[in-house]
Each structure stands twice: as C-alpha cells, then as structure tokens.
Amino acid sequence: MLAVGFIQFSAGRAEPRMASAAHLKPLLEAPGETPKGSTMSTVTFAKHSKLTVKPSDQPAVRKFYREVLGVPQVRESQTADIFRLGPEFFMGVIYTPDAPTAEAMQDAIWLELATADPAAMKAKILAGGGKEIEYRDRDHFYFQAPGGQVFRLISDVEDMSAWER
C-alpha cells in the first residue's frame, strides 16, 4: 500500500490512515513547540491535490499510477484523471498543453510516498518509467513520475520525526 500526506499509525490497526485535523490538533497545540515570534497554524493539508500534465503524457501517467504504484484510478476523462493514493488522499491530473515541462517540475513541490518495501518499490518504479533524481537528502529515493511529479519514497514504518524539527 502506498500512502501520501500526514500518516498516523494506530495500535491494533494493520494499515496506516491519514491523520485528520482533529488527530493533528494535539500536535499543533503542543506547548513549547511554537517558534518565537510565530503563531500556531490554523490549517493542515486536506485530501486533494492537483498535478498539471501535458496531454501527450496521459497514457504513461495512467499506466504508471495504476500499474507501477498500484493506486486506483477513480475518475477518467480526456482532460482529467483522479487517482486515490492512500485511504483518504486524491490526486487530480489535469491534461493541458500549458503544463510545465518535466524539467520545471523538478523545482516544484515533491510529495512523499510510504510503502512497506521501499527497495522493491524503487525497483518497480525504475522499471516502470520513473526517473531517479538527485536531491540533497541522500537517505531516500527521489524520483520523477511520468508527467513530471517528483516524489520521495520512504518506509511506512520509518521514523521521520527528525525532518519535523
């Protein structure tokens, strides 16, 4: 299973689930965690994201997300697709000639994917059309999917708390 976004692991649950704003509230309100001069955030990532891709990449995008990443496609049309990554996160892919180039996307936001077997998923990604990219974090695999989106791949049990400070 792949998941993206804030992940919460609960005792007795076999699968990770997306942490809701209510679940994150105690973390956001932790005493002593607010840097001096700042205020507490009143927002969190929700359940949807959008990626803009050139129409010529549509077949490769569909194949990569469905077959390589193994995520369900919940909507399909000539101009847009929606994929579900994890239990509660949806990525819309809009196909337009005005989409940024793959090179420009390397300077855009990257998304984090978690999986039970990062080594096996890395091999599957590279064999399925993903392109490894260099990033200053040498401890994780970063790749560009067909269409240009950049991802970081981590283990679904990896402690990523060092990146939160």
C-alpha atoms as a PDB file:
ATOM      1  CA  MET A   1       0.000   0.000   0.000  1.00  0.00           C
ATOM      2  CA  LEU A   2       1.186   3.498  -0.824  1.00  0.00           C
ATOM      3  CA  ALA A   3       0.122   6.494   1.175  1.00  0.00           C
ATOM      4  CA  VAL A   4       0.818  10.184   0.894  1.00  0.00           C
ATOM      5  CA  GLY A   5       0.448  13.086   3.291  1.00  0.00           C
ATOM      6  CA  PHE A   6       0.256  13.020   7.061  1.00  0.00           C
ATOM      7  CA  ILE A   7       0.295   9.388   8.158  1.00  0.00           C
ATOM      8  CA  GLN A   8      -0.939   8.197  11.532  1.00  0.00           C
ATOM      9  CA  PHE A   9      -0.273   4.715  12.846  1.00  0.00           C
ATOM     10  CA  SER A  10      -2.649   3.431  15.491  1.00  0.00           C
ATOM     11  CA  ALA A  11      -2.136   0.484  17.816  1.00  0.00           C
ATOM     12  CA  GLY A  12      -4.078  -2.529  16.626  1.00  0.00           C
ATOM     13  CA  ARG A  13      -4.502  -1.231  13.067  1.00  0.00           C
ATOM     14  CA  ALA A  14      -2.881  -3.137  10.247  1.00  0.00           C
ATOM     15  CA  GLU A  15      -2.869  -0.227   7.819  1.00  0.00           C
ATOM     16  CA  PRO A  16      -1.799   3.403   8.116  1.00  0.00           C
ATOM     17  CA  ARG A  17      -4.511   6.029   7.821  1.00  0.00           C
ATOM     18  CA  MET A  18      -4.435   9.677   7.018  1.00  0.00           C
ATOM     19  CA  ALA A  19      -4.355  11.831  10.104  1.00  0.00           C
ATOM     20  CA  SER A  20      -7.279  14.243  10.226  1.00  0.00           C
ATOM     21  CA  ALA A  21      -7.125  17.797  11.517  1.00  0.00           C
ATOM     22  CA  ALA A  22      -8.661  16.540  14.783  1.00  0.00           C
ATOM     23  CA  HIS A  23      -5.867  13.993  15.137  1.00  0.00           C
ATOM     24  CA  LEU A  24      -3.248  16.648  14.429  1.00  0.00           C
ATOM     25  CA  LYS A  25      -4.707  19.218  16.854  1.00  0.00           C
ATOM     26  CA  PRO A  26      -2.795  17.893  19.911  1.00  0.00           C
ATOM     27  CA  LEU A  27       0.423  18.040  17.883  1.00  0.00           C
ATOM     28  CA  LEU A  28      -0.277  21.571  16.695  1.00  0.00           C
ATOM     29  CA  GLU A  29      -1.079  22.736  20.196  1.00  0.00           C
ATOM     30  CA  ALA A  30       1.918  21.123  21.918  1.00  0.00           C
ATOM     31  CA  PRO A  31       3.322  23.579  24.484  1.00  0.00           C
ATOM     32  CA  GLY A  32       6.739  24.988  23.752  1.00  0.00           C
ATOM     33  CA  GLU A  33       6.673  23.935  20.096  1.00  0.00           C
ATOM     34  CA  THR A  34       5.833  27.327  18.582  1.00  0.00           C
ATOM     35  CA  PRO A  35       8.951  29.184  17.415  1.00  0.00           C
ATOM     36  CA  LYS A  36       9.386  32.605  18.993  1.00  0.00           C
ATOM     37  CA  GLY A  37       7.527  35.288  17.094  1.00  0.00           C
ATOM     38  CA  SER A  38       5.201  32.939  15.233  1.00  0.00           C
ATOM     39  CA  THR A  39       1.629  31.874  15.702  1.00  0.00           C
ATOM     40  CA  MET A  40       0.117  28.405  15.586  1.00  0.00           C
ATOM     41  CA  SER A  41      -1.066  27.161  12.229  1.00  0.00           C
ATOM     42  CA  THR A  42      -4.788  27.011  11.719  1.00  0.00           C
ATOM     43  CA  VAL A  43      -4.543  24.962   8.526  1.00  0.00           C
ATOM     44  CA  THR A  44      -3.441  21.484   7.569  1.00  0.00           C
ATOM     45  CA  PHE A  45      -3.190  19.560   4.318  1.00  0.00           C
ATOM     46  CA  ALA A  46      -6.539  18.177   3.280  1.00  0.00           C
ATOM     47  CA  LYS A  47      -7.408  15.293   0.978  1.00  0.00           C
ATOM     48  CA  HIS A  48      -6.837  16.634  -2.533  1.00  0.00           C
ATOM     49  CA  SER A  49      -4.021  17.758  -4.780  1.00  0.00           C
ATOM     50  CA  LYS A  50      -3.710  18.626  -8.460  1.00  0.00           C
ATOM     51  CA  LEU A  51      -0.999  17.925 -10.971  1.00  0.00           C
ATOM     52  CA  THR A  52      -0.921  19.544 -14.422  1.00  0.00           C
ATOM     53  CA  VAL A  53       0.483  17.376 -17.208  1.00  0.00           C
ATOM     54  CA  LYS A  54       0.857  17.634 -20.978  1.00  0.00           C
ATOM     55  CA  PRO A  55      -1.796  15.595 -22.873  1.00  0.00           C
ATOM     56  CA  SER A  56       0.925  13.577 -24.621  1.00  0.00           C
ATOM     57  CA  ASP A  57       1.893  12.116 -21.217  1.00  0.00           C
ATOM     58  CA  GLN A  58      -1.610  10.797 -20.445  1.00  0.00           C
ATOM     59  CA  PRO A  59      -1.019   7.115 -21.400  1.00  0.00           C
ATOM     60  CA  ALA A  60       2.271   6.964 -19.458  1.00  0.00           C
ATOM     61  CA  VAL A  61       0.745   8.712 -16.422  1.00  0.00           C
ATOM     62  CA  ARG A  62      -2.210   6.319 -16.304  1.00  0.00           C
ATOM     63  CA  LYS A  63      -0.012   3.258 -16.679  1.00  0.00           C
ATOM     64  CA  PHE A  64       2.488   4.433 -14.057  1.00  0.00           C
ATOM     65  CA  TYR A  65      -0.026   5.323 -11.357  1.00  0.00           C
ATOM     66  CA  ARG A  66      -2.248   2.272 -11.938  1.00  0.00           C
ATOM     67  CA  GLU A  67       0.305  -0.431 -12.721  1.00  0.00           C
ATOM     68  CA  VAL A  68       3.562   0.696 -11.119  1.00  0.00           C
ATOM     69  CA  LEU A  69       2.306   2.464  -7.987  1.00  0.00           C
ATOM     70  CA  GLY A  70      -0.796   0.268  -7.882  1.00  0.00           C
ATOM     71  CA  VAL A  71      -3.181   3.065  -6.964  1.00  0.00           C
ATOM     72  CA  PRO A  72      -6.800   3.024  -8.089  1.00  0.00           C
ATOM     73  CA  GLN A  73      -7.985   5.476 -10.704  1.00  0.00           C
ATOM     74  CA  VAL A  74     -11.363   6.729  -9.512  1.00  0.00           C
ATOM     75  CA  ARG A  75     -12.193   9.002 -12.452  1.00  0.00           C
ATOM     76  CA  GLU A  76     -11.042   9.105 -16.058  1.00  0.00           C
ATOM     77  CA  SER A  77     -11.689  11.547 -18.896  1.00  0.00           C
ATOM     78  CA  GLN A  78      -9.815  13.050 -21.834  1.00  0.00           C
ATOM     79  CA  THR A  79      -8.965  16.166 -19.813  1.00  0.00           C
ATOM     80  CA  ALA A  80      -8.580  14.888 -16.231  1.00  0.00           C
ATOM     81  CA  ASP A  81      -7.975  11.776 -14.147  1.00  0.00           C
ATOM     82  CA  ILE A  82      -8.261  11.256 -10.407  1.00  0.00           C
ATOM     83  CA  PHE A  83      -6.137   8.722  -8.526  1.00  0.00           C
ATOM     84  CA  ARG A  84      -6.515   7.670  -4.894  1.00  0.00           C
ATOM     85  CA  LEU A  85      -3.194   7.483  -3.060  1.00  0.00           C
ATOM     86  CA  GLY A  86      -3.823   6.008   0.361  1.00  0.00           C
ATOM     87  CA  PRO A  87      -7.108   5.771   2.192  1.00  0.00           C
ATOM     88  CA  GLU A  88      -8.109   9.445   2.001  1.00  0.00           C
ATOM     89  CA  PHE A  89      -5.847  11.309  -0.440  1.00  0.00           C
ATOM     90  CA  PHE A  90      -6.820  12.053  -4.038  1.00  0.00           C
ATOM     91  CA  MET A  91      -4.628  13.472  -6.795  1.00  0.00           C
ATOM     92  CA  GLY A  92      -6.252  15.066  -9.809  1.00  0.00           C
ATOM     93  CA  VAL A  93      -4.238  15.054 -13.009  1.00  0.00           C
ATOM     94  CA  ILE A  94      -5.271  17.786 -15.425  1.00  0.00           C
ATOM     95  CA  TYR A  95      -4.097  17.373 -19.024  1.00  0.00           C
ATOM     96  CA  THR A  96      -3.334  20.686 -20.725  1.00  0.00           C
ATOM     97  CA  PRO A  97      -0.821  21.843 -23.354  1.00  0.00           C
ATOM     98  CA  ASP A  98       0.194  24.666 -20.974  1.00  0.00           C
ATOM     99  CA  ALA A  99       1.549  22.239 -18.334  1.00  0.00           C
ATOM    100  CA  PRO A 100       5.078  22.856 -17.063  1.00  0.00           C
ATOM    101  CA  THR A 101       7.895  20.806 -18.515  1.00  0.00           C
ATOM    102  CA  ALA A 102       9.300  17.817 -16.633  1.00  0.00           C
ATOM    103  CA  GLU A 103      12.453  19.857 -16.033  1.00  0.00           C
ATOM    104  CA  ALA A 104      10.458  22.696 -14.453  1.00  0.00           C
ATOM    105  CA  MET A 105       8.602  20.204 -12.236  1.00  0.00           C
ATOM    106  CA  GLN A 106      11.898  19.218 -10.610  1.00  0.00           C
ATOM    107  CA  ASP A 107      11.900  22.649  -8.962  1.00  0.00           C
ATOM    108  CA  ALA A 108       8.277  22.312  -7.797  1.00  0.00           C
ATOM    109  CA  ILE A 109       6.888  20.612  -4.691  1.00  0.00           C
ATOM    110  CA  TRP A 110       7.644  16.933  -4.114  1.00  0.00           C
ATOM    111  CA  LEU A 111       5.231  14.552  -2.431  1.00  0.00           C
ATOM    112  CA  GLU A 112       6.150  11.772  -0.021  1.00  0.00           C
ATOM    113  CA  LEU A 113       5.042   8.187  -0.618  1.00  0.00           C
ATOM    114  CA  ALA A 114       5.275   5.498   2.054  1.00  0.00           C
ATOM    115  CA  THR A 115       5.482   1.775   1.315  1.00  0.00           C
ATOM    116  CA  ALA A 116       6.205  -1.434   3.226  1.00  0.00           C
ATOM    117  CA  ASP A 117       9.155  -2.370   0.975  1.00  0.00           C
ATOM    118  CA  PRO A 118      10.976   0.697  -0.381  1.00  0.00           C
ATOM    119  CA  ALA A 119      13.691  -1.321  -2.152  1.00  0.00           C
ATOM    120  CA  ALA A 120      11.168  -3.403  -4.087  1.00  0.00           C
ATOM    121  CA  MET A 121       9.056  -0.339  -4.893  1.00  0.00           C
ATOM    122  CA  LYS A 122      12.150   1.564  -6.062  1.00  0.00           C
ATOM    123  CA  ALA A 123      12.990  -1.248  -8.490  1.00  0.00           C
ATOM    124  CA  LYS A 124       9.383  -1.323  -9.722  1.00  0.00           C
ATOM    125  CA  ILE A 125       9.344   2.465 -10.167  1.00  0.00           C
ATOM    126  CA  LEU A 126      12.586   2.499 -12.150  1.00  0.00           C
ATOM    127  CA  ALA A 127      11.467  -0.427 -14.327  1.00  0.00           C
ATOM    128  CA  GLY A 128       8.069   1.212 -14.871  1.00  0.00           C
ATOM    129  CA  GLY A 129       9.175   4.581 -16.185  1.00  0.00           C
ATOM    130  CA  GLY A 130      10.119   6.542 -13.067  1.00  0.00           C
ATOM    131  CA  LYS A 131      13.342   8.550 -13.283  1.00  0.00           C
ATOM    132  CA  GLU A 132      15.634   8.795 -10.257  1.00  0.00           C
ATOM    133  CA  ILE A 133      16.646  12.347  -9.446  1.00  0.00           C
ATOM    134  CA  GLU A 134      19.362  13.659  -7.186  1.00  0.00           C
ATOM    135  CA  TYR A 135      18.343  15.552  -4.103  1.00  0.00           C
ATOM    136  CA  ARG A 136      20.300  16.806  -1.116  1.00  0.00           C
ATOM    137  CA  ASP A 137      18.658  14.153   1.104  1.00  0.00           C
ATOM    138  CA  ARG A 138      20.785  11.134   0.186  1.00  0.00           C
ATOM    139  CA  ASP A 139      18.980   8.795   2.621  1.00  0.00           C
ATOM    140  CA  HIS A 140      15.831   8.489   0.493  1.00  0.00           C
ATOM    141  CA  PHE A 141      14.887   7.706  -3.080  1.00  0.00           C
ATOM    142  CA  TYR A 142      13.546  10.672  -5.049  1.00  0.00           C
ATOM    143  CA  PHE A 143      12.016  10.109  -8.443  1.00  0.00           C
ATOM    144  CA  GLN A 144      10.082  11.828 -11.164  1.00  0.00           C
ATOM    145  CA  ALA A 145       6.969  10.059 -12.398  1.00  0.00           C
ATOM    146  CA  PRO A 146       5.760  10.284 -15.995  1.00  0.00           C
ATOM    147  CA  GLY A 147       4.151  13.692 -16.318  1.00  0.00           C
ATOM    148  CA  GLY A 148       6.778  15.295 -14.108  1.00  0.00           C
ATOM    149  CA  GLN A 149       5.630  14.980 -10.451  1.00  0.00           C
ATOM    150  CA  VAL A 150       8.542  14.424  -8.051  1.00  0.00           C
ATOM    151  CA  PHE A 151       8.166  12.039  -5.107  1.00  0.00           C
ATOM    152  CA  ARG A 152      10.222  10.942  -2.113  1.00  0.00           C
ATOM    153  CA  LEU A 153       9.849   7.268  -1.184  1.00  0.00           C
ATOM    154  CA  ILE A 154      10.072   6.185   2.465  1.00  0.00           C
ATOM    155  CA  SER A 155       9.307   3.114   4.531  1.00  0.00           C
ATOM    156  CA  ASP A 156       5.853   3.113   6.089  1.00  0.00           C
ATOM    157  CA  VAL A 157       7.476   2.365   9.461  1.00  0.00           C
ATOM    158  CA  GLU A 158      10.338   4.866   9.165  1.00  0.00           C
ATOM    159  CA  ASP A 159      10.598   7.478  11.902  1.00  0.00           C
ATOM    160  CA  MET A 160      10.607  10.759  10.010  1.00  0.00           C
ATOM    161  CA  SER A 161      10.388  12.975  13.104  1.00  0.00           C
ATOM    162  CA  ALA A 162      13.919  14.325  12.555  1.00  0.00           C
ATOM    163  CA  TRP A 163      12.558  16.120   9.473  1.00  0.00           C
ATOM    164  CA  GLU A 164       9.932  17.887  11.568  1.00  0.00           C
ATOM    165  CA  ARG A 165      12.310  19.967  13.638  1.00  0.00           C
END
